[in-house]
Amino acid sequence: MSEEEVEKRSLQDLDTILQAARKLGIKLVLIGGYAVAAYTHGYRYTKDIDLVAEKPAVGRLKGLLKNLSYSIRDTEFGLAGSKRLNKGFIDLHISVGRIHDVSTGKEYPVDSSLFKNAKRLNVKGYISKTSSLKATVVDLETLIVQKTMTVGRDKDTIDLLSLLRDLVPIYSR
């Protein structure tokens, strides 16, 4: 399976997860590479789905993800899972209560303001530019803080530079 096909499948799954969660009353906010793509022109490929959920929704969320063929496991910081796709896979990370960065051990607290300040934005693919969906995305300030928490991860550096490149002209007007 090509990277383009994996990316399309990842975006389709993200859309399915978000729509089903909404129907079940589960609040989810998109973080990570796809959140960066929502604010920028998108400068890197990602297939990972990174979300934040409220703690009371974890049980219902596990059932939803298992129905979508994800293998799910509890982690210290929420849920993690993956889905095999022929020669590819999609990784899933869902933070609950706090967002933890493994490269530094730093944490960002999750409270009701994260859900309240989230924005409904268009999320698009890097390779398959025609693949897109609407998602509730973490607010820009929080996303920048999350991307500056990491150390030694090139993709986070690219994400931060993408945000600065595309958004600085907006704020300097």
N, C-alpha and C. Protein backbone atom coordinates (compact mmCIF):
# COMPACT_ATOMS: atom_id res chain seq x y z
N MET A 1 0.85 -1.18 0.00
CA MET A 1 0.00 0.00 0.00
C MET A 1 0.90 1.24 0.00
N SER A 2 0.67 2.17 -0.90
CA SER A 2 1.50 3.38 -1.01
C SER A 2 1.23 4.34 0.15
N GLU A 3 2.17 5.28 0.35
CA GLU A 3 1.96 6.30 1.39
C GLU A 3 0.70 7.09 1.13
N GLU A 4 0.41 7.37 -0.14
CA GLU A 4 -0.80 8.12 -0.47
C GLU A 4 -2.04 7.35 -0.06
N GLU A 5 -2.06 6.04 -0.32
CA GLU A 5 -3.21 5.23 0.06
C GLU A 5 -3.36 5.14 1.58
N VAL A 6 -2.23 5.03 2.30
CA VAL A 6 -2.27 4.99 3.76
C VAL A 6 -2.79 6.32 4.30
N GLU A 7 -2.30 7.42 3.74
CA GLU A 7 -2.76 8.74 4.18
C GLU A 7 -4.26 8.92 3.93
N LYS A 8 -4.73 8.52 2.77
CA LYS A 8 -6.17 8.62 2.48
C LYS A 8 -6.98 7.80 3.48
N ARG A 9 -6.51 6.59 3.76
CA ARG A 9 -7.21 5.71 4.71
C ARG A 9 -7.19 6.32 6.11
N SER A 10 -6.06 6.90 6.49
CA SER A 10 -5.95 7.54 7.80
C SER A 10 -6.94 8.69 7.93
N LEU A 11 -7.04 9.52 6.90
CA LEU A 11 -7.98 10.64 6.92
C LEU A 11 -9.43 10.14 6.92
N GLN A 12 -9.71 9.07 6.19
CA GLN A 12 -11.06 8.49 6.20
C GLN A 12 -11.39 7.97 7.60
N ASP A 13 -10.42 7.27 8.21
CA ASP A 13 -10.65 6.76 9.57
C ASP A 13 -10.86 7.91 10.55
N LEU A 14 -10.04 8.95 10.43
CA LEU A 14 -10.19 10.10 11.31
C LEU A 14 -11.60 10.68 11.18
N ASP A 15 -12.06 10.84 9.97
CA ASP A 15 -13.41 11.36 9.74
C ASP A 15 -14.46 10.45 10.35
N THR A 16 -14.32 9.15 10.16
CA THR A 16 -15.27 8.18 10.72
C THR A 16 -15.27 8.23 12.25
N ILE A 17 -14.08 8.28 12.83
CA ILE A 17 -13.95 8.36 14.29
C ILE A 17 -14.63 9.61 14.83
N LEU A 18 -14.36 10.75 14.20
CA LEU A 18 -14.92 12.01 14.67
C LEU A 18 -16.44 12.05 14.54
N GLN A 19 -16.95 11.56 13.42
CA GLN A 19 -18.40 11.55 13.23
C GLN A 19 -19.10 10.61 14.21
N ALA A 20 -18.54 9.41 14.38
CA ALA A 20 -19.14 8.45 15.32
C ALA A 20 -19.05 8.96 16.75
N ALA A 21 -17.93 9.57 17.11
CA ALA A 21 -17.76 10.12 18.46
C ALA A 21 -18.79 11.22 18.71
N ARG A 22 -19.00 12.07 17.73
CA ARG A 22 -19.99 13.14 17.88
C ARG A 22 -21.38 12.56 18.15
N LYS A 23 -21.74 11.50 17.41
CA LYS A 23 -23.04 10.86 17.60
C LYS A 23 -23.17 10.24 18.99
N LEU A 24 -22.04 9.78 19.54
CA LEU A 24 -22.04 9.17 20.87
C LEU A 24 -21.84 10.20 22.00
N GLY A 25 -21.71 11.47 21.64
CA GLY A 25 -21.51 12.52 22.64
C GLY A 25 -20.10 12.55 23.22
N ILE A 26 -19.13 12.01 22.47
CA ILE A 26 -17.74 11.99 22.91
C ILE A 26 -17.02 13.21 22.33
N LYS A 27 -16.44 14.01 23.21
CA LYS A 27 -15.69 15.18 22.75
C LYS A 27 -14.26 14.76 22.44
N LEU A 28 -13.83 15.05 21.20
CA LEU A 28 -12.46 14.78 20.77
C LEU A 28 -11.88 16.04 20.15
N VAL A 29 -10.60 16.27 20.39
CA VAL A 29 -9.89 17.39 19.79
C VAL A 29 -8.64 16.83 19.11
N LEU A 30 -8.43 17.27 17.89
CA LEU A 30 -7.29 16.83 17.10
C LEU A 30 -6.03 17.60 17.49
N ILE A 31 -4.93 16.86 17.69
CA ILE A 31 -3.62 17.46 17.95
C ILE A 31 -2.63 16.81 16.97
N GLY A 32 -1.36 17.12 17.09
CA GLY A 32 -0.35 16.45 16.27
C GLY A 32 -0.24 16.99 14.86
N GLY A 33 0.30 16.14 13.98
CA GLY A 33 0.59 16.54 12.61
C GLY A 33 -0.62 16.99 11.82
N TYR A 34 -1.74 16.30 11.99
CA TYR A 34 -2.95 16.72 11.27
C TYR A 34 -3.46 18.07 11.77
N ALA A 35 -3.26 18.37 13.04
CA ALA A 35 -3.65 19.69 13.55
C ALA A 35 -2.79 20.77 12.90
N VAL A 36 -1.50 20.50 12.76
CA VAL A 36 -0.61 21.45 12.09
C VAL A 36 -1.08 21.65 10.65
N ALA A 37 -1.45 20.56 9.97
CA ALA A 37 -1.92 20.66 8.58
C ALA A 37 -3.18 21.51 8.47
N ALA A 38 -3.99 21.55 9.53
CA ALA A 38 -5.21 22.37 9.51
C ALA A 38 -4.89 23.87 9.53
N TYR A 39 -3.78 24.23 10.16
CA TYR A 39 -3.40 25.64 10.27
C TYR A 39 -2.44 26.09 9.17
N THR A 40 -1.81 25.15 8.47
CA THR A 40 -0.77 25.50 7.50
C THR A 40 -1.07 24.85 6.15
N HIS A 41 -0.14 25.05 5.24
CA HIS A 41 -0.23 24.39 3.94
C HIS A 41 0.17 22.92 4.06
N GLY A 42 0.69 22.50 5.18
CA GLY A 42 1.10 21.12 5.40
C GLY A 42 2.40 20.80 4.69
N TYR A 43 3.45 20.58 5.44
CA TYR A 43 4.78 20.40 4.86
C TYR A 43 5.37 19.03 5.11
N ARG A 44 4.58 18.12 5.65
CA ARG A 44 5.11 16.77 5.85
C ARG A 44 3.99 15.75 5.86
N TYR A 45 4.38 14.54 5.56
CA TYR A 45 3.46 13.41 5.53
C TYR A 45 3.21 12.92 6.95
N THR A 46 1.98 12.59 7.24
CA THR A 46 1.65 11.90 8.49
C THR A 46 0.50 10.96 8.23
N LYS A 47 0.46 9.92 9.01
CA LYS A 47 -0.65 8.98 8.96
C LYS A 47 -1.17 8.72 10.36
N ASP A 48 -0.45 9.25 11.34
CA ASP A 48 -0.83 9.06 12.74
C ASP A 48 -2.04 9.93 13.09
N ILE A 49 -2.91 9.38 13.89
CA ILE A 49 -4.07 10.12 14.38
C ILE A 49 -3.83 10.40 15.86
N ASP A 50 -3.71 11.69 16.21
CA ASP A 50 -3.46 12.12 17.58
C ASP A 50 -4.65 12.94 18.05
N LEU A 51 -5.25 12.49 19.15
CA LEU A 51 -6.47 13.13 19.67
C LEU A 51 -6.37 13.31 21.17
N VAL A 52 -7.24 14.17 21.69
CA VAL A 52 -7.43 14.34 23.12
C VAL A 52 -8.90 14.04 23.40
N ALA A 53 -9.15 13.29 24.46
CA ALA A 53 -10.52 12.94 24.85
C ALA A 53 -10.74 13.23 26.32
N GLU A 54 -12.00 13.41 26.69
CA GLU A 54 -12.35 13.56 28.09
C GLU A 54 -12.37 12.17 28.74
N LYS A 55 -11.96 12.09 29.99
CA LYS A 55 -11.84 10.82 30.69
C LYS A 55 -13.14 10.00 30.72
N PRO A 56 -14.29 10.60 30.96
CA PRO A 56 -15.51 9.78 31.02
C PRO A 56 -15.84 9.04 29.72
N ALA A 57 -15.24 9.45 28.61
CA ALA A 57 -15.58 8.87 27.31
C ALA A 57 -14.71 7.66 26.94
N VAL A 58 -13.72 7.33 27.73
CA VAL A 58 -12.74 6.32 27.35
C VAL A 58 -13.37 4.96 27.04
N GLY A 59 -14.28 4.50 27.85
CA GLY A 59 -14.91 3.20 27.61
C GLY A 59 -15.65 3.14 26.29
N ARG A 60 -16.46 4.15 26.01
CA ARG A 60 -17.21 4.20 24.75
C ARG A 60 -16.26 4.34 23.56
N LEU A 61 -15.19 5.09 23.78
CA LEU A 61 -14.20 5.31 22.72
C LEU A 61 -13.48 4.00 22.36
N LYS A 62 -13.15 3.20 23.36
CA LYS A 62 -12.51 1.90 23.10
C LYS A 62 -13.39 1.03 22.22
N GLY A 63 -14.67 0.97 22.54
CA GLY A 63 -15.61 0.17 21.75
C GLY A 63 -15.69 0.66 20.31
N LEU A 64 -15.77 1.96 20.14
CA LEU A 64 -15.84 2.56 18.81
C LEU A 64 -14.60 2.19 17.99
N LEU A 65 -13.42 2.31 18.59
CA LEU A 65 -12.17 2.05 17.87
C LEU A 65 -12.00 0.56 17.55
N LYS A 66 -12.41 -0.29 18.46
CA LYS A 66 -12.36 -1.74 18.18
C LYS A 66 -13.28 -2.09 17.01
N ASN A 67 -14.44 -1.45 16.94
CA ASN A 67 -15.35 -1.68 15.81
C ASN A 67 -14.75 -1.24 14.49
N LEU A 68 -13.78 -0.33 14.52
CA LEU A 68 -13.10 0.14 13.32
C LEU A 68 -11.80 -0.64 13.06
N SER A 69 -11.65 -1.78 13.75
CA SER A 69 -10.52 -2.70 13.57
C SER A 69 -9.19 -2.19 14.11
N TYR A 70 -9.23 -1.28 15.07
CA TYR A 70 -7.99 -0.85 15.73
C TYR A 70 -7.71 -1.77 16.91
N SER A 71 -6.45 -2.16 17.06
CA SER A 71 -6.05 -2.84 18.29
C SER A 71 -5.78 -1.72 19.30
N ILE A 72 -6.40 -1.80 20.44
CA ILE A 72 -6.35 -0.71 21.43
C ILE A 72 -5.75 -1.22 22.72
N ARG A 73 -4.92 -0.37 23.33
CA ARG A 73 -4.37 -0.70 24.64
C ARG A 73 -4.38 0.55 25.52
N ASP A 74 -4.55 0.34 26.81
CA ASP A 74 -4.46 1.45 27.76
C ASP A 74 -3.00 1.81 27.93
N THR A 75 -2.75 3.10 28.08
CA THR A 75 -1.41 3.57 28.39
C THR A 75 -1.50 4.44 29.65
N GLU A 76 -0.37 4.83 30.15
CA GLU A 76 -0.33 5.71 31.32
C GLU A 76 -1.00 7.05 31.04
N PHE A 77 -1.07 7.44 29.75
CA PHE A 77 -1.55 8.76 29.38
C PHE A 77 -2.85 8.74 28.58
N GLY A 78 -3.46 7.56 28.42
CA GLY A 78 -4.70 7.46 27.67
C GLY A 78 -4.81 6.15 26.94
N LEU A 79 -4.96 6.23 25.62
CA LEU A 79 -5.10 5.05 24.78
C LEU A 79 -4.11 5.11 23.62
N ALA A 80 -3.68 3.96 23.19
CA ALA A 80 -2.85 3.86 22.00
C ALA A 80 -3.36 2.68 21.19
N GLY A 81 -3.15 2.74 19.92
CA GLY A 81 -3.59 1.64 19.09
C GLY A 81 -3.00 1.73 17.71
N SER A 82 -3.30 0.72 16.92
CA SER A 82 -2.85 0.71 15.54
C SER A 82 -3.79 -0.15 14.71
N LYS A 83 -3.69 0.06 13.42
CA LYS A 83 -4.49 -0.69 12.45
C LYS A 83 -3.57 -1.06 11.30
N ARG A 84 -3.48 -2.34 11.00
CA ARG A 84 -2.64 -2.82 9.89
C ARG A 84 -3.39 -2.64 8.58
N LEU A 85 -2.65 -2.20 7.58
CA LEU A 85 -3.21 -2.01 6.24
C LEU A 85 -2.25 -2.65 5.24
N ASN A 86 -2.44 -3.89 4.89
CA ASN A 86 -1.53 -4.59 3.98
C ASN A 86 -0.10 -4.35 4.41
N LYS A 87 0.65 -3.52 3.66
CA LYS A 87 2.05 -3.27 3.99
C LYS A 87 2.22 -1.98 4.81
N GLY A 88 1.15 -1.39 5.26
CA GLY A 88 1.23 -0.16 6.03
C GLY A 88 0.47 -0.28 7.34
N PHE A 89 0.39 0.81 8.05
CA PHE A 89 -0.36 0.84 9.30
C PHE A 89 -0.67 2.29 9.66
N ILE A 90 -1.66 2.45 10.53
CA ILE A 90 -2.02 3.75 11.09
C ILE A 90 -1.86 3.63 12.60
N ASP A 91 -1.13 4.57 13.19
CA ASP A 91 -0.99 4.62 14.64
C ASP A 91 -2.01 5.61 15.19
N LEU A 92 -2.49 5.31 16.37
CA LEU A 92 -3.51 6.13 17.02
C LEU A 92 -3.05 6.42 18.45
N HIS A 93 -3.08 7.69 18.83
CA HIS A 93 -2.71 8.10 20.19
C HIS A 93 -3.81 9.01 20.72
N ILE A 94 -4.38 8.64 21.85
CA ILE A 94 -5.43 9.46 22.44
C ILE A 94 -5.02 9.82 23.86
N SER A 95 -4.80 11.10 24.07
CA SER A 95 -4.42 11.60 25.39
C SER A 95 -5.68 11.84 26.21
N VAL A 96 -5.60 11.49 27.49
CA VAL A 96 -6.72 11.69 28.40
C VAL A 96 -6.17 12.35 29.67
N GLY A 97 -6.70 13.52 30.01
CA GLY A 97 -6.27 14.19 31.24
C GLY A 97 -5.03 15.03 31.12
N ARG A 98 -4.10 14.61 30.25
CA ARG A 98 -2.86 15.35 30.04
C ARG A 98 -2.23 14.87 28.74
N ILE A 99 -1.47 15.75 28.14
CA ILE A 99 -0.72 15.39 26.94
C ILE A 99 0.73 15.25 27.38
N HIS A 100 1.29 14.08 27.13
CA HIS A 100 2.64 13.76 27.59
C HIS A 100 3.58 13.68 26.40
N ASP A 101 4.74 14.33 26.51
CA ASP A 101 5.76 14.22 25.47
C ASP A 101 6.82 13.23 25.92
N VAL A 102 6.99 12.15 25.16
CA VAL A 102 7.94 11.11 25.55
C VAL A 102 9.39 11.55 25.41
N SER A 103 9.67 12.53 24.54
CA SER A 103 11.07 12.95 24.33
C SER A 103 11.61 13.78 25.50
N THR A 104 10.73 14.43 26.25
CA THR A 104 11.19 15.28 27.35
C THR A 104 10.58 14.92 28.69
N GLY A 105 9.49 14.18 28.67
CA GLY A 105 8.76 13.88 29.90
C GLY A 105 7.86 15.02 30.34
N LYS A 106 7.80 16.09 29.55
CA LYS A 106 6.94 17.23 29.89
C LYS A 106 5.48 16.89 29.63
N GLU A 107 4.62 17.55 30.39
CA GLU A 107 3.19 17.32 30.25
C GLU A 107 2.44 18.63 30.11
N TYR A 108 1.36 18.55 29.35
CA TYR A 108 0.46 19.68 29.18
C TYR A 108 -0.89 19.25 29.72
N PRO A 109 -1.44 19.98 30.69
CA PRO A 109 -2.71 19.56 31.30
C PRO A 109 -3.88 19.73 30.33
N VAL A 110 -4.81 18.82 30.42
CA VAL A 110 -6.03 18.90 29.62
C VAL A 110 -7.18 19.21 30.56
N ASP A 111 -7.85 20.32 30.28
CA ASP A 111 -9.04 20.66 31.05
C ASP A 111 -10.12 21.13 30.08
N SER A 112 -11.22 21.59 30.60
CA SER A 112 -12.35 21.96 29.75
C SER A 112 -12.02 23.09 28.77
N SER A 113 -11.03 23.93 29.10
CA SER A 113 -10.69 25.03 28.20
C SER A 113 -10.10 24.53 26.88
N LEU A 114 -9.42 23.38 26.91
CA LEU A 114 -8.87 22.83 25.67
C LEU A 114 -10.01 22.52 24.69
N PHE A 115 -11.10 21.96 25.20
CA PHE A 115 -12.25 21.63 24.35
C PHE A 115 -13.01 22.90 23.96
N LYS A 116 -13.12 23.83 24.89
CA LYS A 116 -13.85 25.08 24.63
C LYS A 116 -13.13 25.95 23.59
N ASN A 117 -11.80 25.99 23.62
CA ASN A 117 -11.03 26.86 22.73
C ASN A 117 -10.71 26.22 21.38
N ALA A 118 -11.06 24.96 21.18
CA ALA A 118 -10.77 24.28 19.93
C ALA A 118 -11.53 24.94 18.77
N LYS A 119 -10.99 24.80 17.59
CA LYS A 119 -11.55 25.42 16.38
C LYS A 119 -11.99 24.34 15.40
N ARG A 120 -13.06 24.59 14.69
CA ARG A 120 -13.50 23.67 13.63
C ARG A 120 -12.80 24.10 12.34
N LEU A 121 -11.89 23.25 11.85
CA LEU A 121 -11.06 23.60 10.70
C LEU A 121 -11.03 22.48 9.66
N ASN A 122 -10.59 22.84 8.48
CA ASN A 122 -10.40 21.87 7.41
C ASN A 122 -9.02 21.21 7.57
N VAL A 123 -8.99 19.90 7.54
CA VAL A 123 -7.74 19.13 7.66
C VAL A 123 -7.52 18.44 6.33
N LYS A 124 -6.31 18.61 5.77
CA LYS A 124 -6.04 18.01 4.47
C LYS A 124 -4.80 17.14 4.50
N GLY A 125 -4.68 16.32 3.49
CA GLY A 125 -3.52 15.46 3.37
C GLY A 125 -2.32 16.18 2.79
N TYR A 126 -1.16 15.60 2.96
CA TYR A 126 0.08 16.15 2.40
C TYR A 126 0.29 15.62 0.97
N ILE A 127 0.13 14.31 0.80
CA ILE A 127 0.32 13.70 -0.51
C ILE A 127 -0.96 13.80 -1.33
N SER A 128 -2.04 13.40 -0.73
CA SER A 128 -3.33 13.42 -1.43
C SER A 128 -4.05 14.72 -1.07
N LYS A 129 -3.71 15.77 -1.77
CA LYS A 129 -4.24 17.11 -1.48
C LYS A 129 -5.76 17.18 -1.59
N THR A 130 -6.37 16.26 -2.31
CA THR A 130 -7.82 16.29 -2.47
C THR A 130 -8.54 15.65 -1.28
N SER A 131 -7.80 14.92 -0.44
CA SER A 131 -8.41 14.31 0.75
C SER A 131 -8.47 15.35 1.86
N SER A 132 -9.69 15.59 2.36
CA SER A 132 -9.82 16.56 3.45
C SER A 132 -11.09 16.27 4.24
N LEU A 133 -11.15 16.87 5.42
CA LEU A 133 -12.31 16.72 6.29
C LEU A 133 -12.36 17.89 7.25
N LYS A 134 -13.50 18.07 7.88
CA LYS A 134 -13.64 19.09 8.92
C LYS A 134 -13.43 18.40 10.27
N ALA A 135 -12.65 19.06 11.15
CA ALA A 135 -12.37 18.48 12.46
C ALA A 135 -12.27 19.57 13.50
N THR A 136 -12.51 19.20 14.74
CA THR A 136 -12.30 20.09 15.87
C THR A 136 -10.82 19.98 16.24
N VAL A 137 -10.10 21.09 16.09
CA VAL A 137 -8.64 21.11 16.22
C VAL A 137 -8.25 21.98 17.41
N VAL A 138 -7.23 21.55 18.11
CA VAL A 138 -6.71 22.31 19.24
C VAL A 138 -6.41 23.75 18.81
N ASP A 139 -6.57 24.69 19.70
CA ASP A 139 -6.31 26.09 19.35
C ASP A 139 -4.82 26.28 19.05
N LEU A 140 -4.54 27.29 18.25
CA LEU A 140 -3.18 27.54 17.75
C LEU A 140 -2.15 27.70 18.86
N GLU A 141 -2.47 28.47 19.89
CA GLU A 141 -1.51 28.72 20.96
C GLU A 141 -1.12 27.42 21.67
N THR A 142 -2.10 26.57 21.94
CA THR A 142 -1.84 25.29 22.60
C THR A 142 -1.01 24.39 21.69
N LEU A 143 -1.32 24.38 20.41
CA LEU A 143 -0.57 23.56 19.46
C LEU A 143 0.90 23.99 19.42
N ILE A 144 1.14 25.27 19.41
CA ILE A 144 2.53 25.76 19.41
C ILE A 144 3.25 25.34 20.69
N VAL A 145 2.60 25.46 21.82
CA VAL A 145 3.20 25.02 23.09
C VAL A 145 3.53 23.53 23.02
N GLN A 146 2.61 22.73 22.51
CA GLN A 146 2.85 21.28 22.41
C GLN A 146 4.04 20.98 21.51
N LYS A 147 4.17 21.70 20.43
CA LYS A 147 5.26 21.45 19.49
C LYS A 147 6.61 21.94 20.03
N THR A 148 6.58 22.89 20.95
CA THR A 148 7.85 23.36 21.55
C THR A 148 8.28 22.51 22.75
N MET A 149 7.42 21.62 23.21
CA MET A 149 7.74 20.76 24.36
C MET A 149 8.75 19.67 23.98
N THR A 150 8.87 19.34 22.71
CA THR A 150 9.65 18.18 22.29
C THR A 150 11.13 18.52 22.10
N VAL A 151 11.95 17.46 22.09
CA VAL A 151 13.38 17.60 21.84
C VAL A 151 13.81 16.46 20.91
N GLY A 152 14.56 16.82 19.86
CA GLY A 152 15.15 15.80 19.01
C GLY A 152 14.22 15.10 18.05
N ARG A 153 13.06 15.66 17.82
CA ARG A 153 12.12 15.03 16.88
C ARG A 153 11.97 15.95 15.68
N ASP A 154 12.55 15.56 14.57
CA ASP A 154 12.55 16.39 13.37
C ASP A 154 11.15 16.78 12.91
N LYS A 155 10.20 15.85 13.02
CA LYS A 155 8.86 16.17 12.53
C LYS A 155 8.23 17.30 13.34
N ASP A 156 8.52 17.39 14.63
CA ASP A 156 7.99 18.48 15.44
C ASP A 156 8.66 19.80 15.10
N THR A 157 9.94 19.77 14.76
CA THR A 157 10.65 20.97 14.31
C THR A 157 10.04 21.46 13.00
N ILE A 158 9.80 20.53 12.08
CA ILE A 158 9.16 20.89 10.80
C ILE A 158 7.78 21.48 11.05
N ASP A 159 7.02 20.88 11.97
CA ASP A 159 5.68 21.39 12.29
C ASP A 159 5.75 22.81 12.84
N LEU A 160 6.66 23.05 13.76
CA LEU A 160 6.80 24.37 14.36
C LEU A 160 7.21 25.41 13.31
N LEU A 161 8.16 25.06 12.47
CA LEU A 161 8.58 25.98 11.41
C LEU A 161 7.44 26.23 10.42
N SER A 162 6.64 25.21 10.14
CA SER A 162 5.49 25.37 9.25
C SER A 162 4.48 26.36 9.83
N LEU A 163 4.23 26.22 11.12
CA LEU A 163 3.31 27.15 11.78
C LEU A 163 3.84 28.57 11.72
N LEU A 164 5.11 28.75 12.01
CA LEU A 164 5.69 30.09 11.98
C LEU A 164 5.71 30.66 10.57
N ARG A 165 6.05 29.85 9.60
CA ARG A 165 6.13 30.31 8.21
C ARG A 165 4.77 30.76 7.69
N ASP A 166 3.75 29.99 7.97
CA ASP A 166 2.43 30.28 7.41
C ASP A 166 1.61 31.25 8.24
N LEU A 167 1.90 31.36 9.54
CA LEU A 167 1.03 32.16 10.40
C LEU A 167 1.62 33.50 10.82
N VAL A 168 2.91 33.66 10.78
CA VAL A 168 3.49 34.95 11.17
C VAL A 168 2.95 36.08 10.30
N PRO A 169 2.83 35.92 8.97
CA PRO A 169 2.26 37.01 8.16
C PRO A 169 0.85 37.41 8.59
N ILE A 170 0.07 36.47 9.09
CA ILE A 170 -1.29 36.77 9.56
C ILE A 170 -1.25 37.73 10.73
N TYR A 171 -0.33 37.50 11.68
CA TYR A 171 -0.27 38.32 12.88
C TYR A 171 0.49 39.62 12.69
N SER A 172 1.24 39.75 11.61
CA SER A 172 2.02 40.98 11.42
C SER A 172 1.27 42.02 10.60
N ARG A 173 0.05 41.72 10.22
CA ARG A 173 -0.74 42.71 9.42
C ARG A 173 -1.28 43.79 10.28
